[in-house]
Amino acid sequence: HVVVSDAAGKQINWMGTDAQRVFLDAQGFGIAEAMDTAQRFELGWEVAKQLITRTSSLNLANGFAAGASADHVPPTTNLDELATAVAWQVNFISERGGLPVILPMPQLSQTNASPDEYVRVSSSILEQSQGPVLLHWLGEMFLPSLAGYFPDDSFLRIMQLDPQRIEGVKISLLNAQRE
């Protein structure tokens, strides 16, 4: 979340946003940056990049996690290009001291990717990046284009790819049975 300085919520108050992060850190909280669905999809990569860079420069005692996606490149249905783009953001976040959270990739559900393709994309992201990561499983209640995300056993297979690096998952499904 960001502090804004206009009624429409479009002008980010960068100093206020930094102060909010410092305050939360002083209360013992880590910061989750560039992950909120509305923030990420409406504000875009350039703002997310600036939030990640600024949060990194605050040297927070409790650290920060940040969402990694492919929104810095034109949309693609090519799975190799998708994996490379996400891996680039994973590395960008890692290099700034953050814990990357691999955001859902709507392209996978929109193209009816097979369970094997989900695993292949995730494996490729891991091969092209360094350091620990988290996965984010966001449900269609938040983003309808994610209907059918992680088909069959793909989620479990991905979690088993590299248990030393995949530290866990953030689940936001609004589905009591699945959660």
N, C-alpha and C. Protein backbone atom coordinates (compact mmCIF):
# COMPACT_ATOMS: atom_id res chain seq x y z
N HIS A 1 0.84 -1.18 0.00
CA HIS A 1 0.00 0.00 0.00
C HIS A 1 0.88 1.24 0.00
N VAL A 2 0.37 2.27 -0.58
CA VAL A 2 1.15 3.49 -0.70
C VAL A 2 0.37 4.66 -0.10
N VAL A 3 1.09 5.70 0.26
CA VAL A 3 0.49 6.95 0.71
C VAL A 3 0.32 7.82 -0.53
N VAL A 4 -0.88 8.36 -0.72
CA VAL A 4 -1.14 9.20 -1.88
C VAL A 4 -1.34 10.64 -1.43
N SER A 5 -1.15 11.55 -2.36
CA SER A 5 -1.28 12.97 -2.02
C SER A 5 -2.35 13.67 -2.84
N ASP A 6 -3.24 12.89 -3.48
CA ASP A 6 -4.35 13.49 -4.22
C ASP A 6 -5.61 12.65 -4.01
N ALA A 7 -6.75 13.25 -4.19
CA ALA A 7 -8.04 12.58 -3.94
C ALA A 7 -8.25 11.38 -4.87
N ALA A 8 -7.72 11.43 -6.07
CA ALA A 8 -7.91 10.33 -7.02
C ALA A 8 -6.99 9.15 -6.72
N GLY A 9 -6.02 9.35 -5.84
CA GLY A 9 -5.11 8.26 -5.48
C GLY A 9 -4.08 7.94 -6.53
N LYS A 10 -3.74 8.89 -7.37
CA LYS A 10 -2.78 8.65 -8.46
C LYS A 10 -1.40 9.21 -8.18
N GLN A 11 -1.30 10.20 -7.30
CA GLN A 11 -0.01 10.82 -6.99
C GLN A 11 0.55 10.20 -5.72
N ILE A 12 1.63 9.46 -5.85
CA ILE A 12 2.23 8.81 -4.69
C ILE A 12 3.07 9.82 -3.92
N ASN A 13 2.84 9.85 -2.63
CA ASN A 13 3.65 10.65 -1.73
C ASN A 13 4.81 9.73 -1.31
N TRP A 14 5.94 9.87 -1.99
CA TRP A 14 7.06 8.95 -1.78
C TRP A 14 7.63 9.04 -0.38
N MET A 15 7.76 10.25 0.14
CA MET A 15 8.32 10.40 1.50
C MET A 15 7.36 9.81 2.54
N GLY A 16 6.06 10.04 2.35
CA GLY A 16 5.06 9.46 3.24
C GLY A 16 5.04 7.95 3.16
N THR A 17 5.19 7.41 1.95
CA THR A 17 5.23 5.96 1.76
C THR A 17 6.46 5.37 2.44
N ASP A 18 7.61 6.01 2.28
CA ASP A 18 8.83 5.54 2.96
C ASP A 18 8.64 5.59 4.48
N ALA A 19 8.06 6.67 4.98
CA ALA A 19 7.85 6.81 6.42
C ALA A 19 6.91 5.73 6.95
N GLN A 20 5.91 5.37 6.16
CA GLN A 20 4.99 4.30 6.55
C GLN A 20 5.76 2.98 6.70
N ARG A 21 6.65 2.69 5.77
CA ARG A 21 7.43 1.45 5.84
C ARG A 21 8.37 1.44 7.05
N VAL A 22 9.00 2.57 7.32
CA VAL A 22 9.88 2.68 8.48
C VAL A 22 9.08 2.48 9.77
N PHE A 23 7.90 3.09 9.84
CA PHE A 23 7.04 2.94 11.02
C PHE A 23 6.66 1.46 11.22
N LEU A 24 6.21 0.79 10.16
CA LEU A 24 5.82 -0.61 10.26
C LEU A 24 7.00 -1.48 10.67
N ASP A 25 8.17 -1.20 10.11
CA ASP A 25 9.37 -1.94 10.47
C ASP A 25 9.67 -1.76 11.97
N ALA A 26 9.53 -0.56 12.48
CA ALA A 26 9.79 -0.28 13.90
C ALA A 26 8.81 -1.03 14.81
N GLN A 27 7.64 -1.41 14.27
CA GLN A 27 6.66 -2.17 15.04
C GLN A 27 6.91 -3.68 14.93
N GLY A 28 7.95 -4.06 14.19
CA GLY A 28 8.30 -5.48 14.06
C GLY A 28 7.77 -6.16 12.82
N PHE A 29 7.19 -5.40 11.90
CA PHE A 29 6.64 -5.97 10.68
C PHE A 29 7.65 -5.95 9.55
N GLY A 30 7.64 -6.99 8.72
CA GLY A 30 8.32 -6.96 7.44
C GLY A 30 7.37 -6.32 6.45
N ILE A 31 7.86 -5.93 5.31
CA ILE A 31 7.06 -5.24 4.30
C ILE A 31 6.84 -6.16 3.11
N ALA A 32 5.60 -6.22 2.65
CA ALA A 32 5.25 -6.93 1.41
C ALA A 32 5.02 -5.86 0.36
N GLU A 33 5.92 -5.80 -0.60
CA GLU A 33 5.93 -4.71 -1.58
C GLU A 33 5.52 -5.21 -2.97
N ALA A 34 4.78 -4.36 -3.67
CA ALA A 34 4.44 -4.60 -5.08
C ALA A 34 3.73 -5.93 -5.28
N MET A 35 2.87 -6.29 -4.32
CA MET A 35 2.14 -7.56 -4.41
C MET A 35 0.64 -7.37 -4.45
N ASP A 36 0.15 -6.28 -3.90
CA ASP A 36 -1.28 -6.05 -3.88
C ASP A 36 -1.80 -6.04 -5.32
N THR A 37 -2.85 -6.82 -5.57
CA THR A 37 -3.34 -6.98 -6.94
C THR A 37 -3.69 -5.64 -7.58
N ALA A 38 -4.44 -4.82 -6.87
CA ALA A 38 -4.83 -3.52 -7.45
C ALA A 38 -3.60 -2.65 -7.66
N GLN A 39 -2.70 -2.64 -6.67
CA GLN A 39 -1.49 -1.82 -6.80
C GLN A 39 -0.68 -2.27 -8.01
N ARG A 40 -0.49 -3.54 -8.14
CA ARG A 40 0.39 -4.05 -9.19
C ARG A 40 -0.21 -3.88 -10.58
N PHE A 41 -1.48 -4.21 -10.71
CA PHE A 41 -2.08 -4.15 -12.04
C PHE A 41 -2.47 -2.74 -12.45
N GLU A 42 -2.72 -1.86 -11.49
CA GLU A 42 -3.10 -0.50 -11.85
C GLU A 42 -1.92 0.45 -11.89
N LEU A 43 -0.97 0.27 -10.98
CA LEU A 43 0.18 1.18 -10.95
C LEU A 43 1.29 0.72 -11.89
N GLY A 44 1.40 -0.57 -12.14
CA GLY A 44 2.36 -1.09 -13.10
C GLY A 44 3.77 -1.28 -12.59
N TRP A 45 4.61 -1.84 -13.46
CA TRP A 45 5.97 -2.20 -13.11
C TRP A 45 6.83 -1.00 -12.74
N GLU A 46 6.72 0.09 -13.46
CA GLU A 46 7.61 1.23 -13.17
C GLU A 46 7.44 1.72 -11.75
N VAL A 47 6.20 1.77 -11.27
CA VAL A 47 5.96 2.17 -9.89
C VAL A 47 6.43 1.06 -8.95
N ALA A 48 6.14 -0.20 -9.28
CA ALA A 48 6.59 -1.32 -8.45
C ALA A 48 8.11 -1.31 -8.33
N LYS A 49 8.79 -1.08 -9.44
CA LYS A 49 10.26 -1.02 -9.44
C LYS A 49 10.76 0.07 -8.50
N GLN A 50 10.12 1.23 -8.55
CA GLN A 50 10.53 2.32 -7.67
C GLN A 50 10.24 1.98 -6.21
N LEU A 51 9.08 1.36 -5.93
CA LEU A 51 8.76 0.95 -4.56
C LEU A 51 9.79 -0.05 -4.03
N ILE A 52 10.16 -1.02 -4.85
CA ILE A 52 11.14 -2.03 -4.45
C ILE A 52 12.49 -1.37 -4.17
N THR A 53 12.92 -0.50 -5.07
CA THR A 53 14.21 0.17 -4.92
C THR A 53 14.23 1.05 -3.67
N ARG A 54 13.16 1.82 -3.48
CA ARG A 54 13.10 2.70 -2.32
C ARG A 54 13.04 1.90 -1.02
N THR A 55 12.24 0.85 -1.00
CA THR A 55 12.14 0.03 0.21
C THR A 55 13.48 -0.60 0.53
N SER A 56 14.19 -1.05 -0.49
CA SER A 56 15.52 -1.62 -0.29
C SER A 56 16.46 -0.61 0.36
N SER A 57 16.37 0.63 -0.07
CA SER A 57 17.29 1.66 0.44
C SER A 57 17.01 2.04 1.90
N LEU A 58 15.86 1.63 2.43
CA LEU A 58 15.51 1.95 3.81
C LEU A 58 16.24 1.05 4.83
N ASN A 59 16.86 -0.04 4.34
CA ASN A 59 17.59 -0.97 5.22
C ASN A 59 16.75 -1.38 6.43
N LEU A 60 15.57 -1.88 6.17
CA LEU A 60 14.63 -2.26 7.22
C LEU A 60 15.12 -3.48 8.00
N ALA A 61 15.01 -3.41 9.31
CA ALA A 61 15.47 -4.51 10.17
C ALA A 61 14.72 -5.80 9.92
N ASN A 62 13.44 -5.69 9.55
CA ASN A 62 12.62 -6.89 9.35
C ASN A 62 12.48 -7.29 7.88
N GLY A 63 13.19 -6.60 7.01
CA GLY A 63 13.25 -6.99 5.61
C GLY A 63 11.96 -6.73 4.84
N PHE A 64 12.01 -7.19 3.59
CA PHE A 64 10.82 -7.04 2.73
C PHE A 64 10.76 -8.16 1.70
N ALA A 65 9.55 -8.44 1.30
CA ALA A 65 9.27 -9.35 0.19
C ALA A 65 8.63 -8.51 -0.91
N ALA A 66 8.80 -8.94 -2.15
CA ALA A 66 8.22 -8.17 -3.25
C ALA A 66 7.78 -9.11 -4.37
N GLY A 67 6.71 -8.72 -5.04
CA GLY A 67 6.15 -9.53 -6.11
C GLY A 67 6.98 -9.48 -7.38
N ALA A 68 7.19 -10.67 -7.97
CA ALA A 68 7.90 -10.80 -9.25
C ALA A 68 6.91 -11.29 -10.30
N SER A 69 6.88 -10.58 -11.41
CA SER A 69 5.95 -10.88 -12.48
C SER A 69 6.66 -10.69 -13.81
N ALA A 70 5.88 -10.53 -14.87
CA ALA A 70 6.44 -10.28 -16.20
C ALA A 70 5.89 -9.00 -16.78
N ASP A 71 5.47 -8.08 -15.92
CA ASP A 71 4.80 -6.87 -16.40
C ASP A 71 5.74 -5.78 -16.89
N HIS A 72 7.03 -6.07 -16.96
CA HIS A 72 7.98 -5.10 -17.52
C HIS A 72 8.22 -5.35 -19.01
N VAL A 73 7.63 -6.40 -19.55
CA VAL A 73 7.75 -6.73 -20.97
C VAL A 73 6.35 -6.82 -21.57
N PRO A 74 6.24 -6.71 -22.90
CA PRO A 74 4.91 -6.86 -23.52
C PRO A 74 4.32 -8.24 -23.21
N PRO A 75 3.01 -8.33 -23.09
CA PRO A 75 2.37 -9.63 -22.82
C PRO A 75 2.80 -10.68 -23.84
N THR A 76 3.01 -11.89 -23.34
CA THR A 76 3.42 -12.99 -24.22
C THR A 76 2.73 -14.27 -23.80
N THR A 77 2.50 -15.13 -24.78
CA THR A 77 2.00 -16.47 -24.48
C THR A 77 3.12 -17.50 -24.66
N ASN A 78 4.31 -17.02 -25.04
CA ASN A 78 5.47 -17.90 -25.18
C ASN A 78 5.98 -18.20 -23.77
N LEU A 79 5.91 -19.46 -23.37
CA LEU A 79 6.23 -19.83 -22.00
C LEU A 79 7.69 -19.62 -21.64
N ASP A 80 8.59 -19.79 -22.61
CA ASP A 80 10.01 -19.53 -22.33
C ASP A 80 10.25 -18.04 -22.07
N GLU A 81 9.63 -17.19 -22.88
CA GLU A 81 9.75 -15.74 -22.69
C GLU A 81 9.14 -15.33 -21.35
N LEU A 82 8.02 -15.94 -21.00
CA LEU A 82 7.36 -15.64 -19.73
C LEU A 82 8.28 -15.99 -18.56
N ALA A 83 8.85 -17.18 -18.58
CA ALA A 83 9.75 -17.61 -17.50
C ALA A 83 10.96 -16.69 -17.38
N THR A 84 11.53 -16.31 -18.51
CA THR A 84 12.70 -15.43 -18.50
C THR A 84 12.35 -14.06 -17.91
N ALA A 85 11.18 -13.54 -18.27
CA ALA A 85 10.76 -12.24 -17.75
C ALA A 85 10.55 -12.29 -16.24
N VAL A 86 9.88 -13.32 -15.75
CA VAL A 86 9.65 -13.44 -14.31
C VAL A 86 10.99 -13.62 -13.59
N ALA A 87 11.87 -14.44 -14.14
CA ALA A 87 13.19 -14.65 -13.52
C ALA A 87 13.96 -13.34 -13.43
N TRP A 88 13.82 -12.48 -14.42
CA TRP A 88 14.51 -11.19 -14.38
C TRP A 88 14.05 -10.38 -13.17
N GLN A 89 12.73 -10.35 -12.93
CA GLN A 89 12.23 -9.61 -11.76
C GLN A 89 12.63 -10.30 -10.45
N VAL A 90 12.65 -11.63 -10.43
CA VAL A 90 13.11 -12.35 -9.23
C VAL A 90 14.53 -11.89 -8.90
N ASN A 91 15.39 -11.85 -9.90
CA ASN A 91 16.77 -11.41 -9.68
C ASN A 91 16.85 -9.94 -9.28
N PHE A 92 16.03 -9.10 -9.89
CA PHE A 92 15.99 -7.68 -9.54
C PHE A 92 15.70 -7.51 -8.04
N ILE A 93 14.70 -8.24 -7.56
CA ILE A 93 14.31 -8.15 -6.15
C ILE A 93 15.39 -8.72 -5.25
N SER A 94 15.93 -9.89 -5.61
CA SER A 94 16.99 -10.51 -4.80
C SER A 94 18.21 -9.61 -4.68
N GLU A 95 18.59 -8.99 -5.79
CA GLU A 95 19.77 -8.11 -5.78
C GLU A 95 19.59 -6.90 -4.88
N ARG A 96 18.35 -6.56 -4.57
CA ARG A 96 18.07 -5.43 -3.69
C ARG A 96 17.77 -5.88 -2.26
N GLY A 97 18.00 -7.16 -1.99
CA GLY A 97 17.86 -7.67 -0.63
C GLY A 97 16.47 -8.13 -0.26
N GLY A 98 15.57 -8.17 -1.21
CA GLY A 98 14.20 -8.60 -0.93
C GLY A 98 14.00 -10.09 -1.19
N LEU A 99 12.94 -10.62 -0.64
CA LEU A 99 12.53 -11.99 -0.90
C LEU A 99 11.51 -11.96 -2.03
N PRO A 100 11.84 -12.50 -3.20
CA PRO A 100 10.90 -12.48 -4.32
C PRO A 100 9.71 -13.41 -4.07
N VAL A 101 8.54 -12.92 -4.42
CA VAL A 101 7.32 -13.71 -4.37
C VAL A 101 6.84 -13.83 -5.82
N ILE A 102 6.89 -15.03 -6.36
CA ILE A 102 6.50 -15.24 -7.75
C ILE A 102 4.99 -15.12 -7.85
N LEU A 103 4.55 -14.02 -8.47
CA LEU A 103 3.13 -13.75 -8.60
C LEU A 103 2.50 -14.71 -9.61
N PRO A 104 1.18 -14.91 -9.52
CA PRO A 104 0.51 -15.75 -10.51
C PRO A 104 0.69 -15.20 -11.91
N MET A 105 0.76 -16.10 -12.85
CA MET A 105 0.94 -15.74 -14.26
C MET A 105 -0.35 -16.06 -15.01
N PRO A 106 -1.23 -15.06 -15.18
CA PRO A 106 -2.51 -15.31 -15.82
C PRO A 106 -2.38 -15.95 -17.20
N GLN A 107 -1.25 -15.72 -17.88
CA GLN A 107 -1.06 -16.31 -19.20
C GLN A 107 -1.20 -17.84 -19.15
N LEU A 108 -0.80 -18.46 -18.05
CA LEU A 108 -0.86 -19.91 -17.94
C LEU A 108 -2.30 -20.40 -17.92
N SER A 109 -3.15 -19.77 -17.13
CA SER A 109 -4.55 -20.22 -17.08
C SER A 109 -5.30 -19.78 -18.33
N GLN A 110 -4.97 -18.62 -18.87
CA GLN A 110 -5.67 -18.12 -20.06
C GLN A 110 -5.40 -18.98 -21.29
N THR A 111 -4.22 -19.61 -21.34
CA THR A 111 -3.88 -20.48 -22.48
C THR A 111 -4.12 -21.96 -22.18
N ASN A 112 -4.78 -22.23 -21.04
CA ASN A 112 -5.04 -23.61 -20.63
C ASN A 112 -3.77 -24.44 -20.60
N ALA A 113 -2.72 -23.87 -20.04
CA ALA A 113 -1.45 -24.60 -19.94
C ALA A 113 -1.66 -25.90 -19.16
N SER A 114 -0.94 -26.90 -19.56
CA SER A 114 -1.03 -28.21 -18.89
C SER A 114 -0.28 -28.17 -17.57
N PRO A 115 -0.55 -29.13 -16.69
CA PRO A 115 0.23 -29.20 -15.45
C PRO A 115 1.74 -29.26 -15.73
N ASP A 116 2.14 -30.01 -16.75
CA ASP A 116 3.57 -30.10 -17.09
C ASP A 116 4.13 -28.73 -17.50
N GLU A 117 3.33 -27.92 -18.21
CA GLU A 117 3.79 -26.59 -18.61
C GLU A 117 3.93 -25.67 -17.39
N TYR A 118 3.03 -25.76 -16.43
CA TYR A 118 3.19 -24.99 -15.19
C TYR A 118 4.51 -25.34 -14.51
N VAL A 119 4.79 -26.63 -14.43
CA VAL A 119 6.02 -27.08 -13.78
C VAL A 119 7.23 -26.62 -14.58
N ARG A 120 7.16 -26.72 -15.90
CA ARG A 120 8.29 -26.31 -16.75
C ARG A 120 8.59 -24.82 -16.60
N VAL A 121 7.55 -23.98 -16.56
CA VAL A 121 7.77 -22.54 -16.40
C VAL A 121 8.40 -22.26 -15.04
N SER A 122 7.88 -22.86 -13.99
CA SER A 122 8.44 -22.63 -12.65
C SER A 122 9.87 -23.13 -12.55
N SER A 123 10.14 -24.28 -13.13
CA SER A 123 11.49 -24.83 -13.13
C SER A 123 12.45 -23.89 -13.85
N SER A 124 12.01 -23.35 -14.97
CA SER A 124 12.85 -22.43 -15.74
C SER A 124 13.12 -21.14 -14.96
N ILE A 125 12.11 -20.64 -14.26
CA ILE A 125 12.31 -19.44 -13.43
C ILE A 125 13.38 -19.71 -12.39
N LEU A 126 13.28 -20.86 -11.72
CA LEU A 126 14.27 -21.20 -10.69
C LEU A 126 15.67 -21.36 -11.28
N GLU A 127 15.76 -21.98 -12.44
CA GLU A 127 17.07 -22.18 -13.08
C GLU A 127 17.73 -20.86 -13.46
N GLN A 128 16.92 -19.84 -13.79
CA GLN A 128 17.45 -18.56 -14.25
C GLN A 128 17.62 -17.54 -13.13
N SER A 129 17.34 -17.93 -11.90
CA SER A 129 17.41 -16.97 -10.80
C SER A 129 18.17 -17.57 -9.63
N GLN A 130 18.43 -16.73 -8.65
CA GLN A 130 19.19 -17.17 -7.49
C GLN A 130 18.42 -16.82 -6.22
N GLY A 131 18.74 -17.51 -5.15
CA GLY A 131 18.20 -17.19 -3.85
C GLY A 131 16.82 -17.78 -3.61
N PRO A 132 16.34 -17.59 -2.38
CA PRO A 132 15.04 -18.14 -2.00
C PRO A 132 13.89 -17.37 -2.66
N VAL A 133 12.75 -18.04 -2.80
CA VAL A 133 11.54 -17.44 -3.34
C VAL A 133 10.33 -17.96 -2.58
N LEU A 134 9.25 -17.23 -2.70
CA LEU A 134 7.93 -17.69 -2.28
C LEU A 134 7.07 -17.75 -3.52
N LEU A 135 6.03 -18.57 -3.49
CA LEU A 135 5.03 -18.59 -4.55
C LEU A 135 3.80 -17.87 -4.06
N HIS A 136 3.01 -17.34 -4.97
CA HIS A 136 1.74 -16.71 -4.62
C HIS A 136 0.65 -17.38 -5.43
N TRP A 137 -0.30 -17.98 -4.71
CA TRP A 137 -1.44 -18.62 -5.35
C TRP A 137 -2.64 -17.74 -5.10
N LEU A 138 -3.01 -16.97 -6.09
CA LEU A 138 -4.12 -16.02 -6.01
C LEU A 138 -5.32 -16.63 -6.72
N GLY A 139 -6.48 -16.55 -6.07
CA GLY A 139 -7.67 -17.16 -6.64
C GLY A 139 -8.42 -16.26 -7.59
N GLU A 140 -9.33 -16.88 -8.31
CA GLU A 140 -10.10 -16.17 -9.32
C GLU A 140 -11.06 -15.14 -8.71
N MET A 141 -11.29 -15.21 -7.39
CA MET A 141 -12.12 -14.19 -6.74
C MET A 141 -11.42 -12.82 -6.83
N PHE A 142 -10.10 -12.84 -6.87
CA PHE A 142 -9.33 -11.59 -6.97
C PHE A 142 -9.06 -11.23 -8.42
N LEU A 143 -8.88 -12.25 -9.25
CA LEU A 143 -8.56 -12.03 -10.66
C LEU A 143 -9.19 -13.17 -11.47
N PRO A 144 -10.35 -12.91 -12.09
CA PRO A 144 -11.08 -13.98 -12.78
C PRO A 144 -10.26 -14.76 -13.80
N SER A 145 -9.25 -14.13 -14.39
CA SER A 145 -8.44 -14.82 -15.40
C SER A 145 -7.57 -15.92 -14.79
N LEU A 146 -7.59 -16.07 -13.46
CA LEU A 146 -6.80 -17.12 -12.82
C LEU A 146 -7.62 -18.38 -12.55
N ALA A 147 -8.81 -18.48 -13.13
CA ALA A 147 -9.62 -19.69 -12.96
C ALA A 147 -8.83 -20.90 -13.43
N GLY A 148 -8.78 -21.92 -12.59
CA GLY A 148 -8.07 -23.15 -12.95
C GLY A 148 -6.57 -23.09 -12.74
N TYR A 149 -6.08 -22.07 -12.02
CA TYR A 149 -4.64 -21.95 -11.81
C TYR A 149 -4.13 -23.14 -11.01
N PHE A 150 -2.91 -23.57 -11.28
CA PHE A 150 -2.28 -24.77 -10.70
C PHE A 150 -3.18 -26.00 -10.89
N PRO A 151 -3.37 -26.42 -12.14
CA PRO A 151 -4.23 -27.58 -12.39
C PRO A 151 -3.61 -28.88 -11.87
N ASP A 152 -4.50 -29.80 -11.55
CA ASP A 152 -4.12 -31.15 -11.09
C ASP A 152 -3.08 -31.07 -9.97
N ASP A 153 -1.97 -31.77 -10.14
CA ASP A 153 -0.94 -31.82 -9.09
C ASP A 153 0.21 -30.85 -9.34
N SER A 154 0.01 -29.88 -10.23
CA SER A 154 1.11 -28.99 -10.60
C SER A 154 1.66 -28.21 -9.41
N PHE A 155 0.79 -27.76 -8.51
CA PHE A 155 1.26 -26.99 -7.35
C PHE A 155 2.21 -27.83 -6.49
N LEU A 156 1.82 -29.04 -6.18
CA LEU A 156 2.68 -29.91 -5.36
C LEU A 156 3.99 -30.22 -6.07
N ARG A 157 3.93 -30.45 -7.36
CA ARG A 157 5.14 -30.74 -8.13
C ARG A 157 6.08 -29.53 -8.14
N ILE A 158 5.52 -28.34 -8.25
CA ILE A 158 6.35 -27.13 -8.24
C ILE A 158 6.98 -26.95 -6.86
N MET A 159 6.22 -27.14 -5.81
CA MET A 159 6.75 -26.99 -4.45
C MET A 159 7.91 -27.96 -4.20
N GLN A 160 7.93 -29.08 -4.91
CA GLN A 160 8.98 -30.09 -4.73
C GLN A 160 10.19 -29.85 -5.64
N LEU A 161 10.13 -28.87 -6.53
CA LEU A 161 11.24 -28.63 -7.47
C LEU A 161 12.55 -28.35 -6.74
N ASP A 162 12.50 -27.47 -5.76
CA ASP A 162 13.71 -27.07 -5.03
C ASP A 162 13.30 -26.61 -3.63
N PRO A 163 13.04 -27.57 -2.74
CA PRO A 163 12.56 -27.20 -1.39
C PRO A 163 13.52 -26.30 -0.61
N GLN A 164 14.79 -26.26 -0.99
CA GLN A 164 15.74 -25.37 -0.32
C GLN A 164 15.51 -23.92 -0.71
N ARG A 165 14.99 -23.70 -1.91
CA ARG A 165 14.79 -22.32 -2.40
C ARG A 165 13.33 -21.87 -2.30
N ILE A 166 12.39 -22.76 -2.52
CA ILE A 166 10.98 -22.40 -2.42
C ILE A 166 10.59 -22.49 -0.95
N GLU A 167 10.57 -21.34 -0.30
CA GLU A 167 10.38 -21.30 1.15
C GLU A 167 8.93 -21.44 1.58
N GLY A 168 8.00 -21.26 0.68
CA GLY A 168 6.60 -21.38 1.05
C GLY A 168 5.71 -20.75 0.00
N VAL A 169 4.45 -20.57 0.39
CA VAL A 169 3.45 -20.04 -0.53
C VAL A 169 2.53 -19.08 0.22
N LYS A 170 2.15 -18.01 -0.45
CA LYS A 170 1.12 -17.10 0.04
C LYS A 170 -0.15 -17.49 -0.69
N ILE A 171 -1.15 -17.94 0.07
CA ILE A 171 -2.40 -18.40 -0.54
C ILE A 171 -3.49 -17.38 -0.29
N SER A 172 -4.11 -16.92 -1.36
CA SER A 172 -5.21 -15.96 -1.29
C SER A 172 -6.30 -16.46 -2.25
N LEU A 173 -7.06 -17.44 -1.82
CA LEU A 173 -8.05 -18.04 -2.70
C LEU A 173 -9.49 -17.65 -2.38
N LEU A 174 -9.74 -17.27 -1.13
CA LEU A 174 -11.12 -17.08 -0.64
C LEU A 174 -11.96 -18.31 -0.90
N ASN A 175 -11.36 -19.46 -0.64
CA ASN A 175 -12.02 -20.75 -0.81
C ASN A 175 -11.63 -21.59 0.40
N ALA A 176 -12.52 -21.70 1.37
CA ALA A 176 -12.21 -22.37 2.63
C ALA A 176 -11.75 -23.81 2.42
N GLN A 177 -12.34 -24.51 1.48
CA GLN A 177 -11.97 -25.90 1.23
C GLN A 177 -10.53 -26.01 0.72
N ARG A 178 -10.14 -25.16 -0.20
CA ARG A 178 -8.79 -25.20 -0.77
C ARG A 178 -7.76 -24.70 0.22
N GLU A 179 -8.08 -23.63 0.96
CA GLU A 179 -7.12 -23.05 1.89
C GLU A 179 -6.95 -23.95 3.10
